[in-house]
Amino acid sequence: MKDLQIQAFLKDCLAEDLGAGDLFARLVEAKEVQAAVLSKDRGVFSGQVYATELLEMFGLKYAWKIQDKESFNPKQILLEVFGDWRQLLQIERVLLNILQHSSGIATKTAGFVRLLQGLPISLLDTRKTRPLLRVFEKYSVRNGGAKNHRIGLDDALMVKDTHLAHIGDLHAFIAKARQEIPWTAKIEIEASTVAMACDAMQAGADIVMCDNMDIESIKEVVAERNKNYPLVLLEASGNITEESVQAYAKSGVDAISSGALIHQAVWVDFSFKI
C-alpha cells in the first residue's frame, strides 16, 4: 500500500524544483542510461523509504546497495538507477536532498546512541523540527537508533513552564485532564527544580521532565521517584550534548531528549553520477 503522506510530500518537493517543467528536457531526446548515488562521507544511511517512493513515481528501475540504518563509507555506491536520462536529471536534486538530509540526522543520532551503548536509557528527539518536515525528520531519527518523543500537541499532554505560569492548582489541573484527554494519552510535566518535580509526581503526572537541571538535582528527583513514585517516568532535557549525555544517562532517568539530534545535524555528502 502506498504511503499517501509520503507521496504528497514528494509531490510538493517536485513542484518546488520543477515548476512548469524542466527546460533541459525540452532540448534533448530520450536516452536510456544508468546512474548511481555515491557517498563521499561515512555515516548511517537514511531516506530509502522516501527515495523508493520517488523512483517509483517516475517508473524508474533501481537497485539499492544499502538499506536504512546501515553504515556507509566514502566511495561506496548506495543506489543504482536505470531509465530515461531526462527523468533522472529531473529527480536528481530532490533525491539527493532527501538522502543527504535524512542520513545527516541518522548519522548525528547514531553518534549519541553509541555514547549510550549498554546504558538502560531511551534517547528521544523533540518537536524542534523544520516546518512541514517533522514526520520525515523523526523517521530519520529512528533510523539513527533513537526513539521519537511526541509527534505533536495531540498525542500527549505536555505542560511546560509557559503553561504552568497560568495554572494555579496543578493537582486540580491533572485531575481535570484525566477526565478530558484520551485514555491512552500520557501527561508530562516540565520541572526546573527538585521541588517542582516532586510536586508534579505527587499531583499524578505520568512523566516528569527535568529541564535544564544539574546532575545532582536530577539525582535527588530520581531518589524521590524511586522511593515514593516508582511508576513515574523521568526525562532529562535541556542543552544535552555529546560531551554531557553519558553523565545524564547515569543519573537514573529513564530517557534523555535532545533537539540537537535534528537541528544540529549536518548533511552528509552524496553525489549523483550518470
C-alpha atoms as a PDB file:
ATOM      1  CA  MET A   1       0.000   0.000   0.000  1.00  0.00           C
ATOM      2  CA  LYS A   2       1.322   3.417  -0.961  1.00  0.00           C
ATOM      3  CA  ASP A   3       2.049   5.927   1.780  1.00  0.00           C
ATOM      4  CA  LEU A   4      -0.165   8.858   0.827  1.00  0.00           C
ATOM      5  CA  GLN A   5       1.615  11.234   3.204  1.00  0.00           C
ATOM      6  CA  ILE A   6       4.989  10.479   1.633  1.00  0.00           C
ATOM      7  CA  GLN A   7       3.522  10.845  -1.849  1.00  0.00           C
ATOM      8  CA  ALA A   8       2.055  14.243  -1.006  1.00  0.00           C
ATOM      9  CA  PHE A   9       5.374  15.364   0.472  1.00  0.00           C
ATOM     10  CA  LEU A  10       7.278  14.262  -2.636  1.00  0.00           C
ATOM     11  CA  LYS A  11       4.825  15.981  -4.962  1.00  0.00           C
ATOM     12  CA  ASP A  12       5.428  19.241  -3.106  1.00  0.00           C
ATOM     13  CA  CYS A  13       9.188  18.732  -3.356  1.00  0.00           C
ATOM     14  CA  LEU A  14       8.961  18.106  -7.089  1.00  0.00           C
ATOM     15  CA  ALA A  15       6.636  21.066  -7.654  1.00  0.00           C
ATOM     16  CA  GLU A  16       9.139  23.319  -5.903  1.00  0.00           C
ATOM     17  CA  ASP A  17      12.006  22.176  -8.134  1.00  0.00           C
ATOM     18  CA  LEU A  18      10.320  21.503 -11.482  1.00  0.00           C
ATOM     19  CA  GLY A  19       7.904  24.410 -11.571  1.00  0.00           C
ATOM     20  CA  ALA A  20       6.288  24.453 -15.011  1.00  0.00           C
ATOM     21  CA  GLY A  21       8.760  21.876 -16.300  1.00  0.00           C
ATOM     22  CA  ASP A  22      12.431  21.109 -16.790  1.00  0.00           C
ATOM     23  CA  LEU A  23      13.810  23.333 -19.563  1.00  0.00           C
ATOM     24  CA  PHE A  24      16.612  20.865 -20.366  1.00  0.00           C
ATOM     25  CA  ALA A  25      14.067  18.135 -21.126  1.00  0.00           C
ATOM     26  CA  ARG A  26      12.692  20.304 -23.969  1.00  0.00           C
ATOM     27  CA  LEU A  27      16.038  20.263 -25.744  1.00  0.00           C
ATOM     28  CA  VAL A  28      17.052  16.599 -25.802  1.00  0.00           C
ATOM     29  CA  GLU A  29      15.668  13.260 -26.880  1.00  0.00           C
ATOM     30  CA  ALA A  30      15.036  10.272 -24.639  1.00  0.00           C
ATOM     31  CA  LYS A  31      18.065   8.152 -23.806  1.00  0.00           C
ATOM     32  CA  GLU A  32      18.296   5.108 -21.547  1.00  0.00           C
ATOM     33  CA  VAL A  33      21.173   5.475 -19.088  1.00  0.00           C
ATOM     34  CA  GLN A  34      22.456   4.157 -15.768  1.00  0.00           C
ATOM     35  CA  ALA A  35      23.136   6.417 -12.782  1.00  0.00           C
ATOM     36  CA  ALA A  36      24.447   5.922  -9.268  1.00  0.00           C
ATOM     37  CA  VAL A  37      24.351   7.696  -5.927  1.00  0.00           C
ATOM     38  CA  LEU A  38      27.832   7.669  -4.369  1.00  0.00           C
ATOM     39  CA  SER A  39      28.886   8.558  -0.843  1.00  0.00           C
ATOM     40  CA  LYS A  40      31.744  10.952  -0.125  1.00  0.00           C
ATOM     41  CA  ASP A  41      31.361  10.668   3.650  1.00  0.00           C
ATOM     42  CA  ARG A  42      30.848   7.963   6.236  1.00  0.00           C
ATOM     43  CA  GLY A  43      27.775   7.692   8.386  1.00  0.00           C
ATOM     44  CA  VAL A  44      24.419   5.956   8.860  1.00  0.00           C
ATOM     45  CA  PHE A  45      22.092   5.761   5.877  1.00  0.00           C
ATOM     46  CA  SER A  46      18.511   7.015   5.906  1.00  0.00           C
ATOM     47  CA  GLY A  47      15.918   8.091   3.361  1.00  0.00           C
ATOM     48  CA  GLN A  48      15.369   4.846   1.486  1.00  0.00           C
ATOM     49  CA  VAL A  49      11.601   4.763   2.061  1.00  0.00           C
ATOM     50  CA  TYR A  50      11.166   8.251   0.613  1.00  0.00           C
ATOM     51  CA  ALA A  51      13.625   7.744  -2.238  1.00  0.00           C
ATOM     52  CA  THR A  52      11.995   4.463  -3.269  1.00  0.00           C
ATOM     53  CA  GLU A  53       8.601   6.152  -3.477  1.00  0.00           C
ATOM     54  CA  LEU A  54      10.136   8.934  -5.593  1.00  0.00           C
ATOM     55  CA  LEU A  55      11.740   6.491  -8.031  1.00  0.00           C
ATOM     56  CA  GLU A  56       8.517   4.527  -8.402  1.00  0.00           C
ATOM     57  CA  MET A  57       6.517   7.700  -9.041  1.00  0.00           C
ATOM     58  CA  PHE A  58       8.647   8.136 -12.184  1.00  0.00           C
ATOM     59  CA  GLY A  59       8.557   4.453 -13.130  1.00  0.00           C
ATOM     60  CA  LEU A  60      12.335   4.135 -12.864  1.00  0.00           C
ATOM     61  CA  LYS A  61      14.167   0.883 -12.263  1.00  0.00           C
ATOM     62  CA  TYR A  62      16.550   0.836  -9.333  1.00  0.00           C
ATOM     63  CA  ALA A  63      18.809  -1.369  -7.218  1.00  0.00           C
ATOM     64  CA  TRP A  64      19.605  -0.483  -3.613  1.00  0.00           C
ATOM     65  CA  LYS A  65      23.109  -1.315  -2.440  1.00  0.00           C
ATOM     66  CA  ILE A  66      22.356  -0.247   1.128  1.00  0.00           C
ATOM     67  CA  GLN A  67      19.350  -0.231   3.471  1.00  0.00           C
ATOM     68  CA  ASP A  68      18.059   2.254   6.036  1.00  0.00           C
ATOM     69  CA  LYS A  69      20.016   2.093   9.325  1.00  0.00           C
ATOM     70  CA  GLU A  70      23.137   0.599   7.700  1.00  0.00           C
ATOM     71  CA  SER A  71      26.548   2.283   7.807  1.00  0.00           C
ATOM     72  CA  PHE A  72      28.282   3.621   4.703  1.00  0.00           C
ATOM     73  CA  ASN A  73      31.820   4.690   3.834  1.00  0.00           C
ATOM     74  CA  PRO A  74      33.385   7.085   1.300  1.00  0.00           C
ATOM     75  CA  LYS A  75      33.342   5.973  -2.353  1.00  0.00           C
ATOM     76  CA  GLN A  76      30.542   3.487  -1.680  1.00  0.00           C
ATOM     77  CA  ILE A  77      27.752   3.023  -4.235  1.00  0.00           C
ATOM     78  CA  LEU A  78      24.451   3.424  -2.387  1.00  0.00           C
ATOM     79  CA  LEU A  79      21.928   3.213  -5.206  1.00  0.00           C
ATOM     80  CA  GLU A  80      21.838   2.413  -8.918  1.00  0.00           C
ATOM     81  CA  VAL A  81      19.062   3.847 -11.095  1.00  0.00           C
ATOM     82  CA  PHE A  82      18.137   2.980 -14.683  1.00  0.00           C
ATOM     83  CA  GLY A  83      15.925   4.940 -17.071  1.00  0.00           C
ATOM     84  CA  ASP A  84      15.473   7.966 -19.322  1.00  0.00           C
ATOM     85  CA  TRP A  85      18.208  10.479 -18.513  1.00  0.00           C
ATOM     86  CA  ARG A  86      15.679  13.324 -18.702  1.00  0.00           C
ATOM     87  CA  GLN A  87      13.741  11.817 -15.792  1.00  0.00           C
ATOM     88  CA  LEU A  88      16.895  11.019 -13.851  1.00  0.00           C
ATOM     89  CA  LEU A  89      18.046  14.617 -14.088  1.00  0.00           C
ATOM     90  CA  GLN A  90      14.619  15.881 -13.051  1.00  0.00           C
ATOM     91  CA  ILE A  91      14.658  13.937  -9.790  1.00  0.00           C
ATOM     92  CA  GLU A  92      18.393  14.293  -9.056  1.00  0.00           C
ATOM     93  CA  ARG A  93      18.238  17.232  -6.644  1.00  0.00           C
ATOM     94  CA  VAL A  94      15.103  16.088  -4.803  1.00  0.00           C
ATOM     95  CA  LEU A  95      16.585  12.598  -4.447  1.00  0.00           C
ATOM     96  CA  LEU A  96      19.903  13.870  -3.101  1.00  0.00           C
ATOM     97  CA  ASN A  97      18.283  16.422  -0.780  1.00  0.00           C
ATOM     98  CA  ILE A  98      16.188  13.683   0.799  1.00  0.00           C
ATOM     99  CA  LEU A  99      19.046  11.216   1.215  1.00  0.00           C
ATOM    100  CA  GLN A 100      21.623  13.750   2.418  1.00  0.00           C
ATOM    101  CA  HIS A 101      19.297  15.434   4.901  1.00  0.00           C
ATOM    102  CA  SER A 102      17.892  12.197   6.279  1.00  0.00           C
ATOM    103  CA  SER A 103      21.277  10.489   6.510  1.00  0.00           C
ATOM    104  CA  GLY A 104      22.735  13.529   8.247  1.00  0.00           C
ATOM    105  CA  ILE A 105      20.138  13.235  11.009  1.00  0.00           C
ATOM    106  CA  ALA A 106      20.578   9.461  11.261  1.00  0.00           C
ATOM    107  CA  THR A 107      24.350   9.896  11.492  1.00  0.00           C
ATOM    108  CA  LYS A 108      24.105  12.562  14.198  1.00  0.00           C
ATOM    109  CA  THR A 109      21.656  10.418  16.155  1.00  0.00           C
ATOM    110  CA  ALA A 110      23.823   7.318  15.849  1.00  0.00           C
ATOM    111  CA  GLY A 111      26.696   9.267  17.392  1.00  0.00           C
ATOM    112  CA  PHE A 112      24.595   9.892  20.512  1.00  0.00           C
ATOM    113  CA  VAL A 113      23.380   6.287  20.536  1.00  0.00           C
ATOM    114  CA  ARG A 114      26.952   4.956  20.532  1.00  0.00           C
ATOM    115  CA  LEU A 115      27.746   7.022  23.615  1.00  0.00           C
ATOM    116  CA  LEU A 116      24.789   5.453  25.435  1.00  0.00           C
ATOM    117  CA  GLN A 117      25.516   1.867  24.435  1.00  0.00           C
ATOM    118  CA  GLY A 118      24.935  -0.528  27.322  1.00  0.00           C
ATOM    119  CA  LEU A 119      23.094   2.032  29.443  1.00  0.00           C
ATOM    120  CA  PRO A 120      19.389   1.479  30.333  1.00  0.00           C
ATOM    121  CA  ILE A 121      18.193   4.719  28.761  1.00  0.00           C
ATOM    122  CA  SER A 122      15.948   5.842  25.890  1.00  0.00           C
ATOM    123  CA  LEU A 123      17.196   8.607  23.595  1.00  0.00           C
ATOM    124  CA  LEU A 124      14.405  10.831  22.286  1.00  0.00           C
ATOM    125  CA  ASP A 125      14.042  13.622  19.760  1.00  0.00           C
ATOM    126  CA  THR A 126      11.877  16.748  20.264  1.00  0.00           C
ATOM    127  CA  ARG A 127       9.406  18.903  18.331  1.00  0.00           C
ATOM    128  CA  LYS A 128      12.273  21.159  17.249  1.00  0.00           C
ATOM    129  CA  THR A 129      11.874  20.214  13.604  1.00  0.00           C
ATOM    130  CA  ARG A 130      11.798  22.217  10.404  1.00  0.00           C
ATOM    131  CA  PRO A 131       8.280  23.315   9.392  1.00  0.00           C
ATOM    132  CA  LEU A 132       6.448  20.595   7.456  1.00  0.00           C
ATOM    133  CA  LEU A 133       9.387  18.164   7.813  1.00  0.00           C
ATOM    134  CA  ARG A 134       8.501  16.677  11.194  1.00  0.00           C
ATOM    135  CA  VAL A 135       7.447  13.212  10.037  1.00  0.00           C
ATOM    136  CA  PHE A 136      10.450  13.000   7.696  1.00  0.00           C
ATOM    137  CA  GLU A 137      12.958  14.163  10.293  1.00  0.00           C
ATOM    138  CA  LYS A 138      11.580  11.940  13.041  1.00  0.00           C
ATOM    139  CA  TYR A 139      11.757   8.969  10.655  1.00  0.00           C
ATOM    140  CA  SER A 140      15.426   9.834  10.179  1.00  0.00           C
ATOM    141  CA  VAL A 141      15.969   9.851  13.960  1.00  0.00           C
ATOM    142  CA  ARG A 142      14.542   6.332  14.211  1.00  0.00           C
ATOM    143  CA  ASN A 143      16.955   5.162  11.521  1.00  0.00           C
ATOM    144  CA  GLY A 144      19.778   6.532  13.663  1.00  0.00           C
ATOM    145  CA  GLY A 145      18.718   4.299  16.545  1.00  0.00           C
ATOM    146  CA  ALA A 146      16.758   6.694  18.796  1.00  0.00           C
ATOM    147  CA  LYS A 147      13.046   6.955  19.585  1.00  0.00           C
ATOM    148  CA  ASN A 148      10.512   9.659  18.898  1.00  0.00           C
ATOM    149  CA  HIS A 149       9.078  11.913  21.578  1.00  0.00           C
ATOM    150  CA  ARG A 150       5.548  13.107  20.841  1.00  0.00           C
ATOM    151  CA  ILE A 151       4.783  13.965  17.228  1.00  0.00           C
ATOM    152  CA  GLY A 152       2.538  16.927  18.007  1.00  0.00           C
ATOM    153  CA  LEU A 153       0.287  18.572  20.557  1.00  0.00           C
ATOM    154  CA  ASP A 154      -2.410  15.953  20.106  1.00  0.00           C
ATOM    155  CA  ASP A 155      -0.695  12.733  21.170  1.00  0.00           C
ATOM    156  CA  ALA A 156       0.374  13.632  24.724  1.00  0.00           C
ATOM    157  CA  LEU A 157      -0.353  16.420  27.195  1.00  0.00           C
ATOM    158  CA  MET A 158       2.942  18.124  27.967  1.00  0.00           C
ATOM    159  CA  VAL A 159       2.715  21.020  30.424  1.00  0.00           C
ATOM    160  CA  LYS A 160       5.703  23.344  30.136  1.00  0.00           C
ATOM    161  CA  ASP A 161       6.783  26.406  32.081  1.00  0.00           C
ATOM    162  CA  THR A 162       4.701  28.659  29.834  1.00  0.00           C
ATOM    163  CA  HIS A 163       1.623  26.628  30.757  1.00  0.00           C
ATOM    164  CA  LEU A 164       2.483  26.331  34.427  1.00  0.00           C
ATOM    165  CA  ALA A 165       2.779  30.105  34.785  1.00  0.00           C
ATOM    166  CA  HIS A 166      -1.010  30.314  34.479  1.00  0.00           C
ATOM    167  CA  ILE A 167      -2.051  27.085  36.231  1.00  0.00           C
ATOM    168  CA  GLY A 168      -2.766  27.753  39.870  1.00  0.00           C
ATOM    169  CA  ASP A 169      -3.516  24.270  41.168  1.00  0.00           C
ATOM    170  CA  LEU A 170      -1.550  21.567  39.355  1.00  0.00           C
ATOM    171  CA  HIS A 171      -3.324  18.759  41.218  1.00  0.00           C
ATOM    172  CA  ALA A 172      -6.735  20.011  40.126  1.00  0.00           C
ATOM    173  CA  PHE A 173      -5.488  20.567  36.572  1.00  0.00           C
ATOM    174  CA  ILE A 174      -4.204  16.991  36.222  1.00  0.00           C
ATOM    175  CA  ALA A 175      -7.435  15.618  37.725  1.00  0.00           C
ATOM    176  CA  LYS A 176      -9.416  17.538  35.114  1.00  0.00           C
ATOM    177  CA  ALA A 177      -7.078  16.413  32.340  1.00  0.00           C
ATOM    178  CA  ARG A 178      -7.685  12.770  33.255  1.00  0.00           C
ATOM    179  CA  GLN A 179     -11.367  13.307  32.533  1.00  0.00           C
ATOM    180  CA  GLU A 180     -10.906  15.218  29.275  1.00  0.00           C
ATOM    181  CA  ILE A 181      -7.954  13.841  27.291  1.00  0.00           C
ATOM    182  CA  PRO A 182      -7.874  10.397  25.604  1.00  0.00           C
ATOM    183  CA  TRP A 183      -7.446   7.488  27.986  1.00  0.00           C
ATOM    184  CA  THR A 184      -4.217   6.426  26.268  1.00  0.00           C
ATOM    185  CA  ALA A 185      -2.609   9.883  26.353  1.00  0.00           C
ATOM    186  CA  LYS A 186       0.107  10.462  28.947  1.00  0.00           C
ATOM    187  CA  ILE A 187       0.581  13.602  30.997  1.00  0.00           C
ATOM    188  CA  GLU A 188       4.091  15.038  31.179  1.00  0.00           C
ATOM    189  CA  ILE A 189       5.042  17.957  33.410  1.00  0.00           C
ATOM    190  CA  GLU A 190       8.158  20.050  32.916  1.00  0.00           C
ATOM    191  CA  ALA A 191      10.083  20.899  36.086  1.00  0.00           C
ATOM    192  CA  SER A 192      13.129  23.111  36.504  1.00  0.00           C
ATOM    193  CA  THR A 193      13.666  22.438  40.221  1.00  0.00           C
ATOM    194  CA  VAL A 194      13.573  19.447  42.538  1.00  0.00           C
ATOM    195  CA  ALA A 195      10.565  20.912  44.360  1.00  0.00           C
ATOM    196  CA  MET A 196       8.617  21.320  41.118  1.00  0.00           C
ATOM    197  CA  ALA A 197       9.434  17.759  40.095  1.00  0.00           C
ATOM    198  CA  CYS A 198       8.268  16.374  43.426  1.00  0.00           C
ATOM    199  CA  ASP A 199       5.041  18.366  43.225  1.00  0.00           C
ATOM    200  CA  ALA A 200       4.396  17.049  39.701  1.00  0.00           C
ATOM    201  CA  MET A 201       4.884  13.454  40.819  1.00  0.00           C
ATOM    202  CA  GLN A 202       2.596  13.953  43.794  1.00  0.00           C
ATOM    203  CA  ALA A 203      -0.015  15.563  41.540  1.00  0.00           C
ATOM    204  CA  GLY A 204      -0.178  12.428  39.398  1.00  0.00           C
ATOM    205  CA  ALA A 205       1.995  13.089  36.339  1.00  0.00           C
ATOM    206  CA  ASP A 206       2.926  10.088  34.207  1.00  0.00           C
ATOM    207  CA  ILE A 207       6.224  11.652  33.151  1.00  0.00           C
ATOM    208  CA  VAL A 208       8.295  14.424  34.684  1.00  0.00           C
ATOM    209  CA  MET A 209      10.822  16.264  32.566  1.00  0.00           C
ATOM    210  CA  CYS A 210      13.849  17.531  34.477  1.00  0.00           C
ATOM    211  CA  ASP A 211      14.506  20.550  32.296  1.00  0.00           C
ATOM    212  CA  ASN A 212      17.908  22.241  32.466  1.00  0.00           C
ATOM    213  CA  MET A 213      18.591  20.728  35.889  1.00  0.00           C
ATOM    214  CA  ASP A 214      22.130  19.952  37.011  1.00  0.00           C
ATOM    215  CA  ILE A 215      23.080  16.313  37.510  1.00  0.00           C
ATOM    216  CA  GLU A 216      22.942  16.413  41.311  1.00  0.00           C
ATOM    217  CA  SER A 217      19.420  17.862  41.297  1.00  0.00           C
ATOM    218  CA  ILE A 218      18.284  15.182  38.876  1.00  0.00           C
ATOM    219  CA  LYS A 219      19.700  12.513  41.168  1.00  0.00           C
ATOM    220  CA  GLU A 220      17.579  13.959  44.002  1.00  0.00           C
ATOM    221  CA  VAL A 221      14.478  13.692  41.811  1.00  0.00           C
ATOM    222  CA  VAL A 222      15.388  10.118  40.879  1.00  0.00           C
ATOM    223  CA  ALA A 223      15.780   9.172  44.550  1.00  0.00           C
ATOM    224  CA  GLU A 224      12.371  10.647  45.392  1.00  0.00           C
ATOM    225  CA  ARG A 225      10.783   8.864  42.450  1.00  0.00           C
ATOM    226  CA  ASN A 226      12.345   5.539  43.365  1.00  0.00           C
ATOM    227  CA  LYS A 227      11.172   5.844  46.965  1.00  0.00           C
ATOM    228  CA  ASN A 228       7.631   7.151  46.550  1.00  0.00           C
ATOM    229  CA  TYR A 229       6.516   7.197  42.894  1.00  0.00           C
ATOM    230  CA  PRO A 230       8.011   4.123  41.158  1.00  0.00           C
ATOM    231  CA  LEU A 231       5.575   4.254  38.230  1.00  0.00           C
ATOM    232  CA  VAL A 232       6.539   7.789  37.170  1.00  0.00           C
ATOM    233  CA  LEU A 233       8.920   8.076  34.232  1.00  0.00           C
ATOM    234  CA  LEU A 234      11.698  10.686  34.349  1.00  0.00           C
ATOM    235  CA  GLU A 235      13.133  12.514  31.376  1.00  0.00           C
ATOM    236  CA  ALA A 236      16.192  14.777  31.272  1.00  0.00           C
ATOM    237  CA  SER A 237      16.330  17.574  28.734  1.00  0.00           C
ATOM    238  CA  GLY A 238      17.946  20.905  28.020  1.00  0.00           C
ATOM    239  CA  ASN A 239      21.215  21.569  26.165  1.00  0.00           C
ATOM    240  CA  ILE A 240      22.405  17.981  26.465  1.00  0.00           C
ATOM    241  CA  THR A 241      25.404  17.405  24.183  1.00  0.00           C
ATOM    242  CA  GLU A 242      27.652  14.506  23.199  1.00  0.00           C
ATOM    243  CA  GLU A 243      30.015  15.622  25.951  1.00  0.00           C
ATOM    244  CA  SER A 244      27.386  15.515  28.703  1.00  0.00           C
ATOM    245  CA  VAL A 245      24.935  12.842  27.586  1.00  0.00           C
ATOM    246  CA  GLN A 246      26.611   9.952  29.422  1.00  0.00           C
ATOM    247  CA  ALA A 247      26.552  11.797  32.742  1.00  0.00           C
ATOM    248  CA  TYR A 248      22.844  12.498  32.358  1.00  0.00           C
ATOM    249  CA  ALA A 249      22.199   8.886  31.362  1.00  0.00           C
ATOM    250  CA  LYS A 250      23.912   7.648  34.525  1.00  0.00           C
ATOM    251  CA  SER A 251      21.763   9.873  36.774  1.00  0.00           C
ATOM    252  CA  GLY A 252      18.944   7.315  36.842  1.00  0.00           C
ATOM    253  CA  VAL A 253      16.431   8.935  34.491  1.00  0.00           C
ATOM    254  CA  ASP A 254      14.502   6.788  32.031  1.00  0.00           C
ATOM    255  CA  ALA A 255      15.004   8.947  28.964  1.00  0.00           C
ATOM    256  CA  ILE A 256      17.004  11.820  27.544  1.00  0.00           C
ATOM    257  CA  SER A 257      15.551  14.143  24.912  1.00  0.00           C
ATOM    258  CA  SER A 258      17.666  16.303  22.659  1.00  0.00           C
ATOM    259  CA  GLY A 259      16.698  18.666  19.883  1.00  0.00           C
ATOM    260  CA  ALA A 260      20.303  18.510  18.676  1.00  0.00           C
ATOM    261  CA  LEU A 261      19.627  15.160  17.015  1.00  0.00           C
ATOM    262  CA  ILE A 262      17.828  17.115  14.319  1.00  0.00           C
ATOM    263  CA  HIS A 263      18.726  20.806  14.460  1.00  0.00           C
ATOM    264  CA  GLN A 264      22.464  20.242  14.903  1.00  0.00           C
ATOM    265  CA  ALA A 265      22.750  17.517  12.265  1.00  0.00           C
ATOM    266  CA  VAL A 266      24.924  18.256   9.222  1.00  0.00           C
ATOM    267  CA  TRP A 267      24.122  16.929   5.778  1.00  0.00           C
ATOM    268  CA  VAL A 268      26.362  14.137   4.557  1.00  0.00           C
ATOM    269  CA  ASP A 269      27.936  14.445   1.111  1.00  0.00           C
ATOM    270  CA  PHE A 270      26.483  12.277  -1.664  1.00  0.00           C
ATOM    271  CA  SER A 271      26.834  12.696  -5.425  1.00  0.00           C
ATOM    272  CA  PHE A 272      24.747  11.578  -8.384  1.00  0.00           C
ATOM    273  CA  LYS A 273      26.660  10.319 -11.407  1.00  0.00           C
ATOM    274  CA  ILE A 274      25.290   9.283 -14.806  1.00  0.00           C
END
